[in-house]
PDB file of N, CA and C in Angstrom:
ATOM      1  N   MET A   1     -58.036  -0.347  -4.666  1.00  0.00           N
ATOM      2  CA  MET A   1     -56.779   0.431  -5.751  1.00  0.00           C
ATOM      3  C   MET A   1     -57.496   0.015  -6.979  1.00  0.00           C
ATOM      4  N   GLU A   2     -57.641   1.169  -7.399  1.00  0.00           N
ATOM      5  CA  GLU A   2     -57.688   1.156  -8.811  1.00  0.00           C
ATOM      6  C   GLU A   2     -56.329   0.124 -10.065  1.00  0.00           C
ATOM      7  N   MET A   3     -57.516  -0.684 -11.421  1.00  0.00           N
ATOM      8  CA  MET A   3     -57.055  -1.181 -12.204  1.00  0.00           C
ATOM      9  C   MET A   3     -55.888  -0.531 -12.690  1.00  0.00           C
ATOM     10  N   TRP A   4     -55.595   0.997 -13.436  1.00  0.00           N
ATOM     11  CA  TRP A   4     -54.895   1.558 -13.745  1.00  0.00           C
ATOM     12  C   TRP A   4     -53.761   2.068 -12.934  1.00  0.00           C
ATOM     13  N   MET A   5     -53.748   2.041 -11.872  1.00  0.00           N
ATOM     14  CA  MET A   5     -52.752   2.278 -10.769  1.00  0.00           C
ATOM     15  C   MET A   5     -51.850   1.187 -10.342  1.00  0.00           C
ATOM     16  N   LYS A   6     -52.349  -0.135 -10.445  1.00  0.00           N
ATOM     17  CA  LYS A   6     -51.538  -1.591 -10.157  1.00  0.00           C
ATOM     18  C   LYS A   6     -50.968  -1.701 -11.551  1.00  0.00           C
ATOM     19  N   ILE A   7     -51.637  -1.442 -12.714  1.00  0.00           N
ATOM     20  CA  ILE A   7     -50.652  -1.398 -13.665  1.00  0.00           C
ATOM     21  C   ILE A   7     -49.074  -0.340 -13.987  1.00  0.00           C
ATOM     22  N   THR A   8     -50.121   0.899 -13.285  1.00  0.00           N
ATOM     23  CA  THR A   8     -48.773   1.952 -13.470  1.00  0.00           C
ATOM     24  C   THR A   8     -47.254   1.255 -12.821  1.00  0.00           C
ATOM     25  N   TYR A   9     -47.915   0.922 -11.145  1.00  0.00           N
ATOM     26  CA  TYR A   9     -47.074   0.744 -10.218  1.00  0.00           C
ATOM     27  C   TYR A   9     -46.111  -0.750 -10.992  1.00  0.00           C
ATOM     28  N   ALA A  10     -46.573  -1.236 -11.265  1.00  0.00           N
ATOM     29  CA  ALA A  10     -46.504  -2.717 -12.122  1.00  0.00           C
ATOM     30  C   ALA A  10     -45.195  -2.407 -13.351  1.00  0.00           C
ATOM     31  N   ILE A  11     -45.529  -1.823 -13.969  1.00  0.00           N
ATOM     32  CA  ILE A  11     -44.431  -0.995 -14.972  1.00  0.00           C
ATOM     33  C   ILE A  11     -43.262  -0.327 -14.311  1.00  0.00           C
ATOM     34  N   LEU A  12     -44.007   0.592 -13.325  1.00  0.00           N
ATOM     35  CA  LEU A  12     -42.578   1.391 -12.818  1.00  0.00           C
ATOM     36  C   LEU A  12     -41.485   0.441 -12.250  1.00  0.00           C
ATOM     37  N   LEU A  13     -42.199  -0.373 -11.249  1.00  0.00           N
ATOM     38  CA  LEU A  13     -41.554  -1.269 -11.132  1.00  0.00           C
ATOM     39  C   LEU A  13     -40.496  -2.057 -11.492  1.00  0.00           C
ATOM     40  N   GLY A  14     -40.706  -2.534 -13.180  1.00  0.00           N
ATOM     41  CA  GLY A  14     -40.698  -3.274 -13.836  1.00  0.00           C
ATOM     42  C   GLY A  14     -39.600  -2.522 -14.467  1.00  0.00           C
ATOM     43  N   MET A  15     -39.416  -1.177 -14.741  1.00  0.00           N
ATOM     44  CA  MET A  15     -38.246  -0.285 -15.576  1.00  0.00           C
ATOM     45  C   MET A  15     -37.437   0.314 -14.404  1.00  0.00           C
ATOM     46  N   MET A  16     -37.796  -0.031 -12.658  1.00  0.00           N
ATOM     47  CA  MET A  16     -36.919  -0.133 -11.991  1.00  0.00           C
ATOM     48  C   MET A  16     -35.930  -0.982 -11.773  1.00  0.00           C
ATOM     49  N   VAL A  17     -36.406  -2.357 -11.764  1.00  0.00           N
ATOM     50  CA  VAL A  17     -35.561  -3.322 -12.247  1.00  0.00           C
ATOM     51  C   VAL A  17     -34.971  -3.144 -13.277  1.00  0.00           C
ATOM     52  N   LEU A  18     -35.403  -2.852 -14.673  1.00  0.00           N
ATOM     53  CA  LEU A  18     -34.194  -3.185 -16.179  1.00  0.00           C
ATOM     54  C   LEU A  18     -33.225  -2.108 -15.316  1.00  0.00           C
ATOM     55  N   PHE A  19     -33.245  -0.783 -14.812  1.00  0.00           N
ATOM     56  CA  PHE A  19     -32.693   0.004 -14.496  1.00  0.00           C
ATOM     57  C   PHE A  19     -31.155   0.073 -13.547  1.00  0.00           C
ATOM     58  N   ILE A  20     -31.935  -0.929 -12.437  1.00  0.00           N
ATOM     59  CA  ILE A  20     -30.884  -0.955 -11.921  1.00  0.00           C
ATOM     60  C   ILE A  20     -29.813  -2.265 -11.712  1.00  0.00           C
ATOM     61  N   TRP A  21     -30.590  -3.629 -12.323  1.00  0.00           N
ATOM     62  CA  TRP A  21     -30.014  -4.973 -12.660  1.00  0.00           C
ATOM     63  C   TRP A  21     -28.245  -4.706 -12.957  1.00  0.00           C
ATOM     64  N   PRO A  22     -28.546  -3.938 -14.268  1.00  0.00           N
ATOM     65  CA  PRO A  22     -27.033  -4.011 -14.555  1.00  0.00           C
ATOM     66  C   PRO A  22     -25.849  -3.428 -13.939  1.00  0.00           C
ATOM     67  N   ARG A  23     -26.284  -2.073 -13.222  1.00  0.00           N
ATOM     68  CA  ARG A  23     -25.175  -1.857 -12.175  1.00  0.00           C
ATOM     69  C   ARG A  23     -24.837  -3.033 -10.643  1.00  0.00           C
ATOM     70  N   ALA A  24     -26.384  -3.166 -10.413  1.00  0.00           N
ATOM     71  CA  ALA A  24     -26.511  -4.525  -8.961  1.00  0.00           C
ATOM     72  C   ALA A  24     -25.146  -5.483  -9.735  1.00  0.00           C
ATOM     73  N   LYS A  25     -25.432  -5.921 -10.768  1.00  0.00           N
ATOM     74  CA  LYS A  25     -24.610  -7.106 -10.995  1.00  0.00           C
ATOM     75  C   LYS A  25     -23.415  -6.719 -10.923  1.00  0.00           C
ATOM     76  N   ASP A  26     -23.138  -5.585 -11.669  1.00  0.00           N
ATOM     77  CA  ASP A  26     -21.664  -4.915 -11.584  1.00  0.00           C
ATOM     78  C   ASP A  26     -20.408  -5.004 -10.456  1.00  0.00           C
ATOM     79  N   MET A  27     -21.869  -4.194  -9.502  1.00  0.00           N
ATOM     80  CA  MET A  27     -21.040  -4.340  -8.128  1.00  0.00           C
ATOM     81  C   MET A  27     -20.606  -5.271  -7.198  1.00  0.00           C
ATOM     82  N   LEU A  28     -21.514  -6.214  -8.006  1.00  0.00           N
ATOM     83  CA  LEU A  28     -21.458  -7.902  -7.070  1.00  0.00           C
ATOM     84  C   LEU A  28     -19.908  -8.600  -7.483  1.00  0.00           C
ATOM     85  N   GLN A  29     -19.762  -8.454  -9.112  1.00  0.00           N
ATOM     86  CA  GLN A  29     -18.544  -8.793  -9.170  1.00  0.00           C
ATOM     87  C   GLN A  29     -17.232  -7.985  -9.091  1.00  0.00           C
ATOM     88  N   ASN A  30     -17.441  -6.706  -8.825  1.00  0.00           N
ATOM     89  CA  ASN A  30     -16.293  -5.823  -8.679  1.00  0.00           C
ATOM     90  C   ASN A  30     -16.313  -5.489  -6.864  1.00  0.00           C
ATOM     91  N   SER A  31     -17.053  -6.379  -6.581  1.00  0.00           N
ATOM     92  CA  SER A  31     -16.836  -5.810  -4.654  1.00  0.00           C
ATOM     93  C   SER A  31     -15.841  -6.705  -4.174  1.00  0.00           C
ATOM     94  N   PRO A  32     -14.864  -5.904  -3.159  1.00  0.00           N
ATOM     95  CA  PRO A  32     -14.029  -6.556  -2.073  1.00  0.00           C
ATOM     96  C   PRO A  32     -14.520  -7.649  -1.668  1.00  0.00           C
ATOM     97  N   LYS A  33     -13.547  -8.967  -1.764  1.00  0.00           N
ATOM     98  CA  LYS A  33     -14.168  -9.574  -0.680  1.00  0.00           C
ATOM     99  C   LYS A  33     -13.951  -9.476   0.918  1.00  0.00           C
ATOM    100  N   ALA A  34     -14.855 -10.213   1.709  1.00  0.00           N
ATOM    101  CA  ALA A  34     -14.690  -9.854   3.146  1.00  0.00           C
ATOM    102  C   ALA A  34     -14.081 -10.953   3.375  1.00  0.00           C
ATOM    103  N   THR A  35     -13.490 -10.405   5.166  1.00  0.00           N
ATOM    104  CA  THR A  35     -12.350 -11.109   5.579  1.00  0.00           C
ATOM    105  C   THR A  35     -12.700 -11.398   7.005  1.00  0.00           C
ATOM    106  N   GLY A  36     -11.761 -12.233   7.411  1.00  0.00           N
ATOM    107  CA  GLY A  36     -12.128 -12.169   8.930  1.00  0.00           C
ATOM    108  C   GLY A  36     -12.678 -11.228  10.180  1.00  0.00           C
ATOM    109  N   SER A  37     -11.245 -10.695   9.679  1.00  0.00           N
ATOM    110  CA  SER A  37     -11.873  -9.164  10.738  1.00  0.00           C
ATOM    111  C   SER A  37     -13.088  -8.084  10.239  1.00  0.00           C
ATOM    112  N   ASP A  38     -13.072  -8.074   9.165  1.00  0.00           N
ATOM    113  CA  ASP A  38     -15.066  -7.859   8.418  1.00  0.00           C
ATOM    114  C   ASP A  38     -15.858  -8.208   9.390  1.00  0.00           C
ATOM    115  N   TRP A  39     -15.777  -9.566   9.317  1.00  0.00           N
ATOM    116  CA  TRP A  39     -17.186 -10.333   9.874  1.00  0.00           C
ATOM    117  C   TRP A  39     -17.288 -10.028  11.801  1.00  0.00           C
ATOM    118  N   LYS A  40     -15.594  -9.792  12.274  1.00  0.00           N
ATOM    119  CA  LYS A  40     -15.570  -9.278  13.399  1.00  0.00           C
ATOM    120  C   LYS A  40     -15.872  -7.897  13.867  1.00  0.00           C
ATOM    121  N   ALA A  41     -16.242  -7.125  12.782  1.00  0.00           N
ATOM    122  CA  ALA A  41     -16.364  -5.697  12.991  1.00  0.00           C
ATOM    123  C   ALA A  41     -18.199  -5.580  13.047  1.00  0.00           C
ATOM    124  N   VAL A  42     -18.624  -6.869  12.386  1.00  0.00           N
ATOM    125  CA  VAL A  42     -19.818  -6.291  11.929  1.00  0.00           C
ATOM    126  C   VAL A  42     -20.793  -7.545  13.447  1.00  0.00           C
ATOM    127  N   LEU A  43     -20.440  -8.749  13.347  1.00  0.00           N
ATOM    128  CA  LEU A  43     -20.509  -9.077  15.070  1.00  0.00           C
ATOM    129  C   LEU A  43     -20.714  -8.796  16.242  1.00  0.00           C
ATOM    130  N   ILE A  44     -19.651  -8.083  16.247  1.00  0.00           N
ATOM    131  CA  ILE A  44     -19.272  -7.174  18.073  1.00  0.00           C
ATOM    132  C   ILE A  44     -20.729  -5.962  18.249  1.00  0.00           C
ATOM    133  N   PRO A  45     -21.272  -5.157  17.420  1.00  0.00           N
ATOM    134  CA  PRO A  45     -22.547  -4.499  16.819  1.00  0.00           C
ATOM    135  C   PRO A  45     -23.546  -5.233  17.205  1.00  0.00           C
ATOM    136  N   LEU A  46     -23.200  -5.933  16.739  1.00  0.00           N
ATOM    137  CA  LEU A  46     -24.306  -6.663  16.260  1.00  0.00           C
ATOM    138  C   LEU A  46     -24.941  -7.730  17.695  1.00  0.00           C
ATOM    139  N   LEU A  47     -23.624  -8.129  18.256  1.00  0.00           N
ATOM    140  CA  LEU A  47     -23.994  -8.931  19.260  1.00  0.00           C
ATOM    141  C   LEU A  47     -24.406  -7.829  20.132  1.00  0.00           C
ATOM    142  N   GLY A  48     -23.715  -6.717  20.521  1.00  0.00           N
ATOM    143  CA  GLY A  48     -24.390  -5.863  21.393  1.00  0.00           C
ATOM    144  C   GLY A  48     -25.859  -5.077  21.325  1.00  0.00           C
ATOM    145  N   VAL A  49     -26.539  -5.039  19.906  1.00  0.00           N
ATOM    146  CA  VAL A  49     -27.601  -4.966  19.692  1.00  0.00           C
ATOM    147  C   VAL A  49     -28.437  -6.035  20.839  1.00  0.00           C
ATOM    148  N   VAL A  50     -28.415  -7.727  20.325  1.00  0.00           N
ATOM    149  CA  VAL A  50     -29.015  -8.476  21.009  1.00  0.00           C
ATOM    150  C   VAL A  50     -28.643  -8.336  22.444  1.00  0.00           C
ATOM    151  N   LEU A  51     -27.522  -7.935  22.805  1.00  0.00           N
ATOM    152  CA  LEU A  51     -27.879  -8.335  24.838  1.00  0.00           C
ATOM    153  C   LEU A  51     -28.583  -6.854  25.109  1.00  0.00           C
ATOM    154  N   PHE A  52     -28.503  -5.909  24.191  1.00  0.00           N
ATOM    155  CA  PHE A  52     -29.429  -4.557  24.490  1.00  0.00           C
ATOM    156  C   PHE A  52     -30.394  -5.139  24.378  1.00  0.00           C
ATOM    157  N   ILE A  53     -31.168  -5.585  23.741  1.00  0.00           N
ATOM    158  CA  ILE A  53     -32.434  -6.130  23.401  1.00  0.00           C
ATOM    159  C   ILE A  53     -32.979  -7.063  24.708  1.00  0.00           C
ATOM    160  N   MET A  54     -32.248  -8.455  24.291  1.00  0.00           N
ATOM    161  CA  MET A  54     -32.582  -8.917  25.552  1.00  0.00           C
ATOM    162  C   MET A  54     -32.695  -8.454  27.357  1.00  0.00           C
ATOM    163  N   LEU A  55     -32.002  -7.449  27.026  1.00  0.00           N
ATOM    164  CA  LEU A  55     -31.842  -6.796  28.857  1.00  0.00           C
ATOM    165  C   LEU A  55     -33.351  -5.816  28.563  1.00  0.00           C
ATOM    166  N   LEU A  56     -33.766  -4.929  27.784  1.00  0.00           N
ATOM    167  CA  LEU A  56     -34.258  -4.503  27.794  1.00  0.00           C
ATOM    168  C   LEU A  56     -35.877  -5.072  28.024  1.00  0.00           C
ATOM    169  N   ILE A  57     -36.321  -6.582  27.304  1.00  0.00           N
ATOM    170  CA  ILE A  57     -36.741  -8.015  27.135  1.00  0.00           C
ATOM    171  C   ILE A  57     -37.140  -8.120  29.027  1.00  0.00           C
ATOM    172  N   SER A  58     -35.820  -8.628  29.333  1.00  0.00           N
ATOM    173  CA  SER A  58     -36.171  -8.994  30.845  1.00  0.00           C
ATOM    174  C   SER A  58     -36.331  -7.778  32.187  1.00  0.00           C
ATOM    175  N   MET A  59     -36.437  -6.706  31.499  1.00  0.00           N
ATOM    176  CA  MET A  59     -37.262  -5.365  32.456  1.00  0.00           C
ATOM    177  C   MET A  59     -38.301  -5.336  32.380  1.00  0.00           C
ATOM    178  N   VAL A  60     -39.191  -6.162  31.255  1.00  0.00           N
ATOM    179  CA  VAL A  60     -40.326  -5.684  31.251  1.00  0.00           C
ATOM    180  C   VAL A  60     -41.190  -6.848  32.234  1.00  0.00           C
TER     181      VAL A  60
END
């Protein structure tokens, strides 16, 4: 890759971080806190995916 392309990508990436950082900081400070039921709602589908992958591996 040419050097000017690397420099351009680095500048664009830096600008992206500068524009996204304040909004991400605000979202982290003002987001609702997770409760026990929220974690259960995440773990049940995740467990289903893990079991499905184990099934696929065992069938090979």
